[in-house]
């Protein structure tokens, strides 16, 4: 079960995807593409090791994910 913060982040992601799909000229015409993206984002949030204590991405670089300055 998602807490308040994770639920809010999922809603934000859904709104961002919907906005992109509606307003971006190069957006894919296939709704399945965006549904798959949203499912992926939900899974990532559900598995976040920080859980409800997850800081916003803009405030701290996540040391758990691939947000590294050097590419592999």
C-alpha atoms as a PDB file:
ATOM      1  CA  UNK A   1       0.000   0.000   0.000  1.00  0.00           C
ATOM      2  CA  UNK A   2       1.358   3.407  -0.953  1.00  0.00           C
ATOM      3  CA  UNK A   3       1.527   6.174   1.580  1.00  0.00           C
ATOM      4  CA  UNK A   4       0.463   9.760   1.090  1.00  0.00           C
ATOM      5  CA  UNK A   5       3.732  10.960  -0.465  1.00  0.00           C
ATOM      6  CA  UNK A   6       4.103   8.078  -2.916  1.00  0.00           C
ATOM      7  CA  UNK A   7       0.421   8.345  -3.906  1.00  0.00           C
ATOM      8  CA  UNK A   8       0.888  12.068  -4.582  1.00  0.00           C
ATOM      9  CA  UNK A   9       3.977  11.377  -6.697  1.00  0.00           C
ATOM     10  CA  UNK A  10       2.091   8.746  -8.716  1.00  0.00           C
ATOM     11  CA  UNK A  11      -0.697  11.252  -9.365  1.00  0.00           C
ATOM     12  CA  UNK A  12       1.859  13.861 -10.433  1.00  0.00           C
ATOM     13  CA  UNK A  13       3.495  11.423 -12.844  1.00  0.00           C
ATOM     14  CA  UNK A  14       0.097  10.470 -14.315  1.00  0.00           C
ATOM     15  CA  UNK A  15      -0.755  14.140 -14.887  1.00  0.00           C
ATOM     16  CA  UNK A  16       2.644  14.799 -16.484  1.00  0.00           C
ATOM     17  CA  UNK A  17       2.257  11.845 -18.856  1.00  0.00           C
ATOM     18  CA  UNK A  18      -1.293  12.901 -19.771  1.00  0.00           C
ATOM     19  CA  UNK A  19      -0.163  16.477 -20.415  1.00  0.00           C
ATOM     20  CA  UNK A  20       2.730  15.330 -22.597  1.00  0.00           C
ATOM     21  CA  UNK A  21       0.471  12.992 -24.560  1.00  0.00           C
ATOM     22  CA  UNK A  22      -2.096  15.740 -25.161  1.00  0.00           C
ATOM     23  CA  UNK A  23       0.194  18.694 -25.914  1.00  0.00           C
ATOM     24  CA  UNK A  24       3.458  17.397 -27.366  1.00  0.00           C
ATOM     25  CA  UNK A  25       3.525  17.288 -31.186  1.00  0.00           C
ATOM     26  CA  UNK A  26       5.895  14.309 -31.346  1.00  0.00           C
ATOM     27  CA  UNK A  27       3.883  12.288 -28.813  1.00  0.00           C
ATOM     28  CA  UNK A  28       3.109   8.706 -29.737  1.00  0.00           C
ATOM     29  CA  UNK A  29      -0.430   8.038 -30.963  1.00  0.00           C
ATOM     30  CA  UNK A  30      -0.461   4.700 -29.145  1.00  0.00           C
ATOM     31  CA  UNK A  31      -1.983   4.994 -25.644  1.00  0.00           C
ATOM     32  CA  UNK A  32      -0.391   1.655 -24.669  1.00  0.00           C
ATOM     33  CA  UNK A  33       3.006   3.342 -24.787  1.00  0.00           C
ATOM     34  CA  UNK A  34       2.019   5.828 -22.080  1.00  0.00           C
ATOM     35  CA  UNK A  35       0.205   3.245 -19.989  1.00  0.00           C
ATOM     36  CA  UNK A  36       3.357   1.107 -19.966  1.00  0.00           C
ATOM     37  CA  UNK A  37       5.410   4.147 -18.948  1.00  0.00           C
ATOM     38  CA  UNK A  38       3.033   4.890 -16.073  1.00  0.00           C
ATOM     39  CA  UNK A  39       3.071   1.263 -14.876  1.00  0.00           C
ATOM     40  CA  UNK A  40       6.882   1.351 -14.955  1.00  0.00           C
ATOM     41  CA  UNK A  41       6.971   4.593 -12.938  1.00  0.00           C
ATOM     42  CA  UNK A  42       4.554   3.164 -10.357  1.00  0.00           C
ATOM     43  CA  UNK A  43       6.726   0.079  -9.900  1.00  0.00           C
ATOM     44  CA  UNK A  44       9.815   2.233  -9.424  1.00  0.00           C
ATOM     45  CA  UNK A  45       8.061   4.287  -6.753  1.00  0.00           C
ATOM     46  CA  UNK A  46       6.713   1.172  -5.021  1.00  0.00           C
ATOM     47  CA  UNK A  47      10.223  -0.284  -4.807  1.00  0.00           C
ATOM     48  CA  UNK A  48      11.954   2.916  -3.675  1.00  0.00           C
ATOM     49  CA  UNK A  49      14.126   2.075  -0.660  1.00  0.00           C
ATOM     50  CA  UNK A  50      13.310   5.445   0.911  1.00  0.00           C
ATOM     51  CA  UNK A  51       9.547   4.830   0.861  1.00  0.00           C
ATOM     52  CA  UNK A  52       7.600   7.719   2.386  1.00  0.00           C
ATOM     53  CA  UNK A  53      10.882   9.399   3.370  1.00  0.00           C
ATOM     54  CA  UNK A  54      11.859   9.734  -0.306  1.00  0.00           C
ATOM     55  CA  UNK A  55      13.311  13.197  -0.962  1.00  0.00           C
ATOM     56  CA  UNK A  56      12.288  15.116  -4.094  1.00  0.00           C
ATOM     57  CA  UNK A  57      14.614  14.376  -7.001  1.00  0.00           C
ATOM     58  CA  UNK A  58      15.391  18.063  -7.440  1.00  0.00           C
ATOM     59  CA  UNK A  59      16.776  18.426  -3.893  1.00  0.00           C
ATOM     60  CA  UNK A  60      19.174  15.470  -3.699  1.00  0.00           C
ATOM     61  CA  UNK A  61      20.789  13.227  -6.286  1.00  0.00           C
ATOM     62  CA  UNK A  62      19.625   9.692  -5.603  1.00  0.00           C
ATOM     63  CA  UNK A  63      22.573   7.477  -4.693  1.00  0.00           C
ATOM     64  CA  UNK A  64      20.564   4.287  -5.194  1.00  0.00           C
ATOM     65  CA  UNK A  65      19.629   4.682  -8.866  1.00  0.00           C
ATOM     66  CA  UNK A  66      21.652   5.332 -11.991  1.00  0.00           C
ATOM     67  CA  UNK A  67      21.728   9.110 -11.500  1.00  0.00           C
ATOM     68  CA  UNK A  68      25.491   9.205 -11.652  1.00  0.00           C
ATOM     69  CA  UNK A  69      27.686  11.893 -13.142  1.00  0.00           C
ATOM     70  CA  UNK A  70      29.762   9.288 -15.005  1.00  0.00           C
ATOM     71  CA  UNK A  71      28.075   7.076 -17.564  1.00  0.00           C
ATOM     72  CA  UNK A  72      28.793   3.366 -17.495  1.00  0.00           C
END
